Protein backbone atom coordinates (compact mmCIF):
# COMPACT_ATOMS: atom_id res chain seq x y z
CA MET A 1 93.30 67.95 77.04
CA ARG A 2 92.17 68.34 80.61
CA HIS A 3 95.30 66.72 82.19
CA ALA A 4 97.59 69.10 80.31
CA ARG A 5 95.84 72.31 81.44
CA ASN A 6 98.17 74.93 82.97
CA ASP A 7 96.17 76.01 86.04
CA THR A 8 98.55 77.67 88.51
CA ALA A 9 96.15 77.59 91.44
CA GLN A 10 95.35 73.94 90.91
CA HIS A 11 99.04 73.10 90.54
CA THR A 12 99.84 74.91 93.78
CA SER A 13 97.10 73.02 95.63
CA VAL A 14 98.35 69.68 94.34
CA VAL A 15 101.95 70.44 95.36
CA LEU A 16 100.84 71.57 98.82
CA ALA A 17 98.74 68.45 99.31
CA LEU A 18 101.65 66.25 98.25
CA PHE A 19 103.99 68.06 100.63
CA LEU A 20 101.62 67.61 103.56
CA SER A 21 101.16 63.92 102.77
CA LEU A 22 104.93 63.43 102.84
CA LEU A 23 105.13 65.07 106.25
CA VAL A 24 102.49 62.71 107.59
CA ALA A 25 104.24 59.69 106.08
CA ASN A 26 107.64 60.76 107.45
CA PRO A 27 107.15 63.03 110.47
CA ALA A 28 110.86 62.89 111.37
CA SER A 29 111.65 65.02 108.30
CA ARG A 30 109.62 68.01 109.53
CA ALA A 31 112.44 69.91 111.19
CA ASP A 32 116.00 69.71 112.43
CA GLY A 33 114.88 70.32 116.02
CA PRO A 34 113.28 67.93 118.52
CA ILE A 35 110.23 65.93 117.42
CA ARG A 36 107.65 64.94 120.02
CA TYR A 37 105.42 61.94 119.36
CA PRO A 38 102.48 61.87 121.79
CA GLY A 39 100.44 58.73 122.34
CA ARG A 40 101.31 55.23 123.44
CA TRP A 41 104.34 53.41 122.06
CA GLN A 42 104.72 49.68 122.61
CA LEU A 43 107.95 48.87 124.47
CA THR A 44 109.61 45.46 124.20
CA GLU A 45 113.13 44.20 124.89
CA TYR A 46 115.70 42.01 123.17
CA TRP A 47 119.04 40.60 124.25
CA ILE A 48 121.97 38.32 123.39
CA ALA A 49 120.80 34.72 123.00
CA ARG A 50 123.04 32.18 124.73
CA GLU A 51 123.78 28.56 123.90
CA ARG A 52 124.51 26.26 126.80
CA ALA A 53 127.42 23.80 126.66
CA GLY A 54 126.34 20.36 125.48
CA GLU A 55 123.19 21.55 123.73
CA ARG A 56 124.77 21.51 120.30
CA ASP A 57 125.14 17.72 120.55
CA ARG A 58 121.34 17.43 120.41
CA ARG A 59 120.27 17.39 116.76
CA ALA A 60 122.86 20.02 115.84
CA ALA A 61 121.85 22.24 112.91
CA PRO A 62 124.19 24.31 110.71
CA LEU A 63 124.30 28.10 110.86
CA PHE A 64 125.19 29.57 107.48
CA ALA A 65 127.04 32.68 106.37
CA ARG A 66 126.24 34.38 103.09
CA GLY A 67 127.18 32.18 100.16
CA GLY A 68 126.08 29.00 101.94
CA HIS A 69 129.23 28.49 104.02
CA PRO A 70 128.43 26.95 107.45
CA ILE A 71 129.82 28.98 110.35
CA THR A 72 129.11 26.43 113.04
CA TYR A 73 126.59 23.85 114.21
CA ALA A 74 124.18 24.66 117.00
CA CYS A 75 121.19 23.23 118.78
CA PRO A 76 117.78 24.09 117.24
CA ASN A 77 116.72 26.06 120.33
CA PHE A 78 119.73 28.34 120.02
CA VAL A 79 119.17 28.77 116.28
CA ALA A 80 115.59 29.87 116.97
CA ASP A 81 116.66 32.24 119.76
CA LEU A 82 119.46 33.71 117.64
CA SER A 83 117.06 34.30 114.75
CA MET A 84 114.65 36.05 117.10
CA GLU A 85 117.13 38.20 119.05
CA GLY A 86 119.55 38.94 116.21
CA THR A 87 122.72 38.36 118.27
CA GLY A 88 123.87 35.22 120.08
CA LEU A 89 126.79 33.77 121.98
CA THR A 90 127.71 30.15 121.27
CA TRP A 91 128.75 27.72 124.00
CA ASP A 92 132.41 28.25 122.95
CA ASP A 93 132.15 32.06 123.25
CA ARG A 94 131.70 33.04 119.61
CA LEU A 95 129.45 36.04 118.99
CA LEU A 96 127.14 35.65 115.98
CA ASN A 97 124.93 38.28 114.38
CA TRP A 98 121.95 38.18 112.00
CA ASP A 99 123.07 39.05 108.45
CA GLY A 100 119.84 38.89 106.42
CA ARG A 101 118.49 36.19 104.14
CA GLU A 102 119.50 34.53 100.91
CA GLY A 103 116.27 33.15 99.53
CA ALA A 104 114.60 31.30 102.39
CA ARG A 105 117.87 30.74 104.26
CA ALA A 106 118.79 32.84 107.29
CA CYS A 107 122.37 34.11 107.18
CA PHE A 108 124.68 35.01 110.06
CA VAL A 109 128.13 36.51 110.52
CA GLU A 110 130.70 36.01 113.25
CA VAL A 111 131.32 39.33 115.00
CA ASP A 112 134.69 40.82 115.89
CA ARG A 113 134.13 41.28 119.62
CA GLY A 114 137.00 43.73 119.85
CA SER A 115 134.99 46.16 117.70
CA TYR A 116 131.46 45.01 118.53
CA PRO A 117 131.39 43.54 122.05
CA TYR A 118 127.58 43.18 122.05
CA GLY A 119 126.75 42.79 118.37
CA ILE A 120 125.85 44.91 115.37
CA GLY A 121 122.75 47.00 114.72
CA VAL A 122 121.97 48.50 111.31
CA GLN A 123 124.26 50.68 109.18
CA GLY A 124 127.30 49.42 111.12
CA TYR A 125 126.24 50.79 114.51
CA SER A 126 127.44 48.95 117.59
CA LEU A 127 124.82 47.71 120.04
CA VAL A 128 125.15 49.21 123.52
CA PRO A 129 123.17 47.65 126.40
CA TYR A 130 120.49 49.88 127.98
CA ARG A 131 121.03 52.51 125.26
CA SER A 132 120.40 50.95 121.84
CA LEU A 133 116.89 50.85 120.39
CA ALA A 134 115.42 49.00 117.44
CA VAL A 135 112.86 51.25 115.75
CA ASP A 136 110.72 51.70 112.67
CA ARG A 137 112.87 54.16 110.75
CA ARG A 138 109.81 55.65 109.03
CA TYR A 139 109.11 57.33 112.36
CA ILE A 140 112.47 57.51 114.14
CA PRO A 141 115.60 58.09 112.04
CA ILE A 142 118.58 55.81 112.58
CA GLY A 143 121.47 57.40 114.48
CA HIS A 144 119.30 59.90 116.36
CA THR A 145 118.65 60.16 120.09
CA VAL A 146 115.33 59.12 121.64
CA GLU A 147 113.97 60.26 124.99
CA MET A 148 111.62 58.01 127.00
CA ALA A 149 111.06 59.87 130.24
CA GLU A 150 109.33 56.91 131.92
CA LEU A 151 112.65 55.04 132.00
CA ALA A 152 114.58 57.87 133.67
CA GLY A 153 115.79 56.65 137.07
CA MET A 154 116.09 52.98 136.02
CA PRO A 155 118.98 51.48 138.07
CA LEU A 156 121.93 50.27 136.01
CA PRO A 157 124.44 47.56 137.01
CA ASP A 158 127.22 50.09 137.66
CA GLY A 159 125.11 51.78 140.37
CA THR A 160 124.10 54.80 138.30
CA LEU A 161 120.57 55.74 137.29
CA HIS A 162 119.42 55.93 133.70
CA ASP A 163 118.68 59.40 132.31
CA GLY A 164 115.95 58.18 129.94
CA CYS A 165 118.02 58.92 126.80
CA PHE A 166 118.67 56.31 124.09
CA VAL A 167 119.84 56.01 120.49
CA ALA A 168 118.07 54.44 117.50
CA VAL A 169 120.62 52.11 115.91
CA ASP A 170 118.72 48.95 115.01
CA GLY A 171 115.57 47.67 113.32
CA GLY A 172 113.64 44.47 112.78
CA GLY A 173 110.84 42.94 110.80
CA ALA A 174 108.53 42.94 113.83
CA ILE A 175 109.29 46.57 114.78
CA ILE A 176 106.49 48.37 112.98
CA GLY A 177 104.90 51.73 113.69
CA HIS A 178 104.80 52.95 117.28
CA HIS A 179 106.93 50.10 118.59
CA ILE A 180 110.35 50.40 120.25
CA ASP A 181 112.63 47.48 121.19
CA LEU A 182 115.21 48.16 123.93
CA PHE A 183 118.48 46.21 123.90
CA VAL A 184 119.58 44.68 127.22
CA PRO A 185 122.56 42.34 127.63
CA SER A 186 120.75 39.15 128.70
CA ALA A 187 117.44 37.49 129.43
CA ALA A 188 118.41 37.48 133.13
CA GLU A 189 118.81 41.27 133.11
CA TRP A 190 115.44 41.63 131.35
CA GLN A 191 113.87 39.50 134.09
CA ARG A 192 115.52 41.61 136.81
CA LEU A 193 114.28 44.89 135.38
CA SER A 194 110.83 43.45 134.69
CA ALA A 195 110.50 42.16 138.25
CA ALA A 196 111.41 45.65 139.51
CA ARG A 197 108.73 47.08 137.19
CA TRP A 198 111.17 49.25 135.25
CA LEU A 199 110.03 47.96 131.85
CA PRO A 200 106.46 49.08 131.13
CA GLN A 201 104.61 47.54 128.21
CA SER A 202 104.23 50.99 126.69
CA VAL A 203 105.49 54.54 127.08
CA ARG A 204 103.36 57.64 126.57
CA THR A 205 105.68 60.14 124.92
CA VAL A 206 108.73 59.72 122.71
CA VAL A 207 110.95 62.68 121.81
CA VAL A 208 113.51 62.46 119.01
CA ASP A 209 116.58 64.69 119.41
CA ALA A 210 115.51 66.17 122.75
CA PRO A 211 118.10 68.82 123.73
CA ARG A 212 118.74 67.19 127.12
CA CYS A 213 119.63 63.91 125.38
CA ARG A 214 122.34 65.44 123.18
CA SER A 215 125.11 63.76 125.20
CA ALA A 216 123.57 60.33 124.48
CA GLN A 217 124.72 60.72 120.88
CA ARG A 218 128.00 59.13 121.98
CA PHE A 219 126.16 55.79 122.17
CA ALA A 220 125.42 55.93 118.43
CA TRP A 221 128.85 54.51 117.76
CA VAL A 222 130.23 53.13 114.50
CA PRO A 223 133.65 51.52 115.03
CA LEU A 224 136.40 52.49 112.61
CA PRO A 225 139.47 50.40 111.65
CA SER A 226 141.64 52.92 113.51
CA ASP A 227 139.67 52.58 116.76
CA PRO A 228 141.43 50.73 119.58
CA SER A 229 140.08 47.27 120.36
CA LEU A 230 137.88 46.97 123.44
CA ALA A 231 138.35 44.43 126.18
CA ARG A 232 136.06 41.43 125.79
C-alpha cells in the first residue's frame, strides 16, 4: 500500500515540514534566549473597575461564585465593568476577580487582598500595576518578561521612570494574536497616561526575555501561603 511505504527521504521531509510548522505556530518555543517579534502590536489597557457607593441600590444584580452561590449584589454597570476588566472593587472595599464561567453564567471570587492587593492573573500570578500584561500565550509564554521599548521613560507615580520591561501574567478572550493589554491601577491613571501620550495604540517591536529585562522577573510573582501579608 502506498501509505505504508518505507521511504526514508520522504519521511525525513515530512518530519522537517512538521517541525517547521510547529515553530511558526509557536514561535516562543524556538529557543531559550530572547525572542524578537518585529511588526506592530496593538496596545490596550485594563484596570480595576470601581463601584460607587449607592449604585448597588439601583436594580442590584447578584454576582455569583462557582456553584451558584451569590457573593454580593451590585449595580448592573459595575457588573459589566467587572466582567470586562476582570477585577473590581465594590463600594464596601471588597476586591472581586473573574473566575471563569459555568455554562452561560459568569463566576467571580473574592480576593484575599493581603496576598493579591490588585487581583489575580492566570496560573496564580499576582497583578502588578504598570508591569503586568495580558497576552496571547501562543505568542508570549506566561511568566516571561516582555520588553516594549516605546514605554521606557514613562513616568510612574513614585517619581521614577519606567524601564520598558514587563511580565506576561494574564490573558483574556479578546487578547488574540499581536495584542497586548497593560494593567494599570485605575481608569483615572489610564486617562492621565493617555493625556500625556505615554500609551500608544501600538508598539513596533516586542522582545520576550530580553537580557536587560531580567530583573523584571520579580514582578512575575505567585504568592505562597508562607509569604507575609502585604499592607492593603
